[in-house]
C-alpha atoms as a PDB file:
ATOM      1  CA  LEU A   1     -11.580   6.781 -13.760  1.00  0.00           C
ATOM      2  CA  GLU A   2     -14.726   6.875 -11.630  1.00  0.00           C
ATOM      3  CA  SER A   3     -13.103   9.415  -9.294  1.00  0.00           C
ATOM      4  CA  GLY A   4     -12.349  11.631 -12.296  1.00  0.00           C
ATOM      5  CA  ARG A   5     -15.989  11.519 -13.367  1.00  0.00           C
ATOM      6  CA  GLN A   6     -17.083  12.424  -9.855  1.00  0.00           C
ATOM      7  CA  TRP A   7     -14.815  15.498  -9.774  1.00  0.00           C
ATOM      8  CA  ARG A   8     -15.923  16.473 -13.270  1.00  0.00           C
ATOM      9  CA  ASN A   9     -19.534  16.409 -12.118  1.00  0.00           C
ATOM     10  CA  ILE A  10     -18.704  18.502  -9.046  1.00  0.00           C
ATOM     11  CA  ALA A  11     -16.942  21.061 -11.246  1.00  0.00           C
ATOM     12  CA  LYS A  12     -19.873  21.107 -13.667  1.00  0.00           C
ATOM     13  CA  ASP A  13     -22.323  21.679 -10.797  1.00  0.00           C
ATOM     14  CA  MET A  14     -20.185  24.549  -9.478  1.00  0.00           C
ATOM     15  CA  LEU A  15     -20.092  26.199 -12.896  1.00  0.00           C
ATOM     16  CA  GLU A  16     -23.851  25.841 -13.302  1.00  0.00           C
ATOM     17  CA  GLU A  17     -24.443  27.469  -9.895  1.00  0.00           C
ATOM     18  CA  ALA A  18     -22.079  30.292 -10.816  1.00  0.00           C
ATOM     19  CA  ALA A  19     -23.925  30.831 -14.086  1.00  0.00           C
ATOM     20  CA  LYS A  20     -27.157  31.286 -12.106  1.00  0.00           C
ATOM     21  CA  GLY A  21     -25.474  34.016 -10.080  1.00  0.00           C
ATOM     22  CA  THR A  22     -25.872  32.151  -6.791  1.00  0.00           C
ATOM     23  CA  VAL A  23     -22.149  32.216  -5.936  1.00  0.00           C
ATOM     24  CA  THR A  24     -21.869  35.487  -4.035  1.00  0.00           C
ATOM     25  CA  THR A  25     -19.574  34.893  -1.055  1.00  0.00           C
ATOM     26  CA  SER A  26     -15.824  35.061  -1.448  1.00  0.00           C
ATOM     27  CA  ALA A  27     -14.976  31.465  -0.423  1.00  0.00           C
ATOM     28  CA  PRO A  28     -16.976  29.677  -3.134  1.00  0.00           C
ATOM     29  CA  ARG A  29     -16.004  32.369  -5.663  1.00  0.00           C
ATOM     30  CA  PHE A  30     -12.325  31.813  -4.904  1.00  0.00           C
ATOM     31  CA  LEU A  31     -12.575  28.025  -5.199  1.00  0.00           C
ATOM     32  CA  LEU A  32     -14.558  28.273  -8.398  1.00  0.00           C
ATOM     33  CA  PHE A  33     -12.343  30.759 -10.200  1.00  0.00           C
ATOM     34  CA  ALA A  34      -8.974  29.574  -8.862  1.00  0.00           C
ATOM     35  CA  PHE A  35      -9.363  25.843  -9.391  1.00  0.00           C
ATOM     36  CA  VAL A  36     -12.352  25.012 -11.613  1.00  0.00           C
ATOM     37  CA  ASN A  37     -13.181  27.824 -14.010  1.00  0.00           C
ATOM     38  CA  MET A  38      -9.688  28.010 -15.541  1.00  0.00           C
ATOM     39  CA  TRP A  39     -10.227  24.656 -17.275  1.00  0.00           C
ATOM     40  CA  TYR A  40     -13.346  25.862 -19.090  1.00  0.00           C
ATOM     41  CA  VAL A  41     -12.798  29.538 -19.952  1.00  0.00           C
ATOM     42  CA  PRO A  42      -9.891  31.695 -21.185  1.00  0.00           C
ATOM     43  CA  LEU A  43      -7.349  32.559 -18.485  1.00  0.00           C
ATOM     44  CA  GLN A  44      -8.093  36.273 -18.771  1.00  0.00           C
ATOM     45  CA  GLU A  45     -11.679  35.644 -17.703  1.00  0.00           C
ATOM     46  CA  SER A  46     -10.470  33.715 -14.638  1.00  0.00           C
ATOM     47  CA  ILE A  47      -7.993  36.518 -13.894  1.00  0.00           C
ATOM     48  CA  ASN A  48     -10.815  39.067 -14.030  1.00  0.00           C
ATOM     49  CA  HIS A  49     -12.956  36.978 -11.679  1.00  0.00           C
ATOM     50  CA  LEU A  50     -10.048  36.567  -9.254  1.00  0.00           C
ATOM     51  CA  GLN A  51      -9.615  40.353  -9.249  1.00  0.00           C
ATOM     52  CA  VAL A  52     -13.288  40.734  -8.307  1.00  0.00           C
ATOM     53  CA  THR A  53     -12.838  38.107  -5.569  1.00  0.00           C
ATOM     54  CA  GLU A  54      -9.770  39.944  -4.275  1.00  0.00           C
ATOM     55  CA  ASP A  55     -11.600  43.285  -4.218  1.00  0.00           C
ATOM     56  CA  MET A  56     -14.697  41.798  -2.580  1.00  0.00           C
ATOM     57  CA  SER A  57     -12.609  39.988   0.059  1.00  0.00           C
ATOM     58  CA  LEU A  58     -10.692  43.155   0.940  1.00  0.00           C
ATOM     59  CA  LYS A  59     -13.959  45.063   1.179  1.00  0.00           C
ATOM     60  CA  PHE A  60     -15.229  42.587   3.785  1.00  0.00           C
ATOM     61  CA  GLY A  61     -11.906  42.333   5.635  1.00  0.00           C
ATOM     62  CA  ASP A  62     -11.018  38.805   4.501  1.00  0.00           C
ATOM     63  CA  THR A  63      -7.349  39.546   3.811  1.00  0.00           C
ATOM     64  CA  ASP A  64      -6.262  35.881   3.655  1.00  0.00           C
ATOM     65  CA  ARG A  65      -8.623  35.088   0.805  1.00  0.00           C
ATOM     66  CA  ALA A  66      -7.871  38.399  -0.914  1.00  0.00           C
ATOM     67  CA  TYR A  67      -4.146  37.709  -0.955  1.00  0.00           C
ATOM     68  CA  MET A  68      -4.657  34.084  -2.004  1.00  0.00           C
ATOM     69  CA  ALA A  69      -6.766  35.331  -4.934  1.00  0.00           C
ATOM     70  CA  GLN A  70      -3.971  37.766  -5.767  1.00  0.00           C
ATOM     71  CA  CYS A  71      -1.399  34.963  -5.608  1.00  0.00           C
ATOM     72  CA  MET A  72      -3.473  32.778  -7.938  1.00  0.00           C
ATOM     73  CA  LYS A  73      -3.987  35.758 -10.233  1.00  0.00           C
ATOM     74  CA  PHE A  74      -0.199  36.137 -10.519  1.00  0.00           C
ATOM     75  CA  ARG A  75       0.102  32.450 -11.444  1.00  0.00           C
ATOM     76  CA  PHE A  76      -2.584  32.765 -14.096  1.00  0.00           C
ATOM     77  CA  LEU A  77      -0.815  35.827 -15.515  1.00  0.00           C
ATOM     78  CA  PHE A  78       2.306  33.660 -15.763  1.00  0.00           C
ATOM     79  CA  PHE A  79       0.359  30.877 -17.511  1.00  0.00           C
ATOM     80  CA  ARG A  80      -1.191  33.447 -19.863  1.00  0.00           C
ATOM     81  CA  GLY A  81       2.270  34.595 -20.913  1.00  0.00           C
ATOM     82  CA  GLU A  82       2.633  37.909 -19.089  1.00  0.00           C
ATOM     83  CA  LYS A  83       6.055  39.516 -19.559  1.00  0.00           C
ATOM     84  CA  LEU A  84       8.242  38.058 -16.796  1.00  0.00           C
ATOM     85  CA  SER A  85       9.838  41.352 -15.743  1.00  0.00           C
ATOM     86  CA  ILE A  86       6.415  42.971 -15.271  1.00  0.00           C
ATOM     87  CA  LEU A  87       5.106  39.979 -13.346  1.00  0.00           C
ATOM     88  CA  SER A  88       8.189  39.857 -11.105  1.00  0.00           C
ATOM     89  CA  HIS A  89       7.855  43.572 -10.383  1.00  0.00           C
ATOM     90  CA  ASP A  90       4.131  43.229  -9.567  1.00  0.00           C
ATOM     91  CA  ILE A  91       4.802  40.366  -7.159  1.00  0.00           C
ATOM     92  CA  GLU A  92       7.636  42.257  -5.478  1.00  0.00           C
ATOM     93  CA  THR A  93       5.465  45.362  -5.148  1.00  0.00           C
ATOM     94  CA  ASN A  94       2.741  43.420  -3.327  1.00  0.00           C
ATOM     95  CA  LEU A  95       4.958  41.077  -1.314  1.00  0.00           C
ATOM     96  CA  GLN A  96       5.438  43.294   1.758  1.00  0.00           C
ATOM     97  CA  SER A  97       1.749  43.914   2.349  1.00  0.00           C
ATOM     98  CA  MET A  98       1.050  40.278   1.601  1.00  0.00           C
ATOM     99  CA  ALA A  99       3.617  39.170   4.200  1.00  0.00           C
ATOM    100  CA  ARG A 100       2.101  41.539   6.740  1.00  0.00           C
ATOM    101  CA  PHE A 101      -1.417  40.119   6.387  1.00  0.00           C
ATOM    102  CA  SER A 102      -0.994  36.590   4.999  1.00  0.00           C
ATOM    103  CA  ILE A 103       2.370  34.895   5.510  1.00  0.00           C
ATOM    104  CA  CYS A 104       1.124  31.710   3.811  1.00  0.00           C
ATOM    105  CA  CYS A 105       0.337  33.541   0.561  1.00  0.00           C
ATOM    106  CA  ALA A 106       3.607  35.427   0.772  1.00  0.00           C
ATOM    107  CA  LYS A 107       5.509  32.126   0.886  1.00  0.00           C
ATOM    108  CA  TYR A 108       3.776  30.954  -2.296  1.00  0.00           C
ATOM    109  CA  CYS A 109       4.517  34.231  -4.048  1.00  0.00           C
ATOM    110  CA  VAL A 110       8.172  34.168  -2.974  1.00  0.00           C
ATOM    111  CA  LEU A 111       8.486  30.723  -4.555  1.00  0.00           C
ATOM    112  CA  ASP A 112       6.754  31.934  -7.707  1.00  0.00           C
ATOM    113  CA  LYS A 113       8.960  35.033  -7.859  1.00  0.00           C
ATOM    114  CA  GLU A 114      12.125  32.945  -7.452  1.00  0.00           C
ATOM    115  CA  MET A 115      11.015  30.682 -10.294  1.00  0.00           C
ATOM    116  CA  ILE A 116      10.129  33.656 -12.519  1.00  0.00           C
ATOM    117  CA  ASP A 117      13.419  35.420 -11.769  1.00  0.00           C
ATOM    118  CA  SER A 118      15.349  32.268 -12.673  1.00  0.00           C
ATOM    119  CA  LEU A 119      13.744  32.071 -16.140  1.00  0.00           C
END
């Protein structure tokens, strides 16, 4: 119970810093919008923030974080209720470039795609 309170306070602090506009680098942005923000705001808002993180990471050459943001964005689209055929197609479209630059993210997306295709 105490550990839960501690993590809640950490999440609250992160959200307060983000509200001030102090979160500007891609690493804290990714952590905030991929793992914390989704519990407090609508999924579409988190998806939009992940898209900004992806774009910003690509702009600065951080392909690993860009593709991880894209992978998390796909998961949030699934949670939001995106049409499965569209989501599967989007993942497949991006899988080759993802595998070229970030094999770890590609593995996650392959698992997600397999699950989506089986539904």
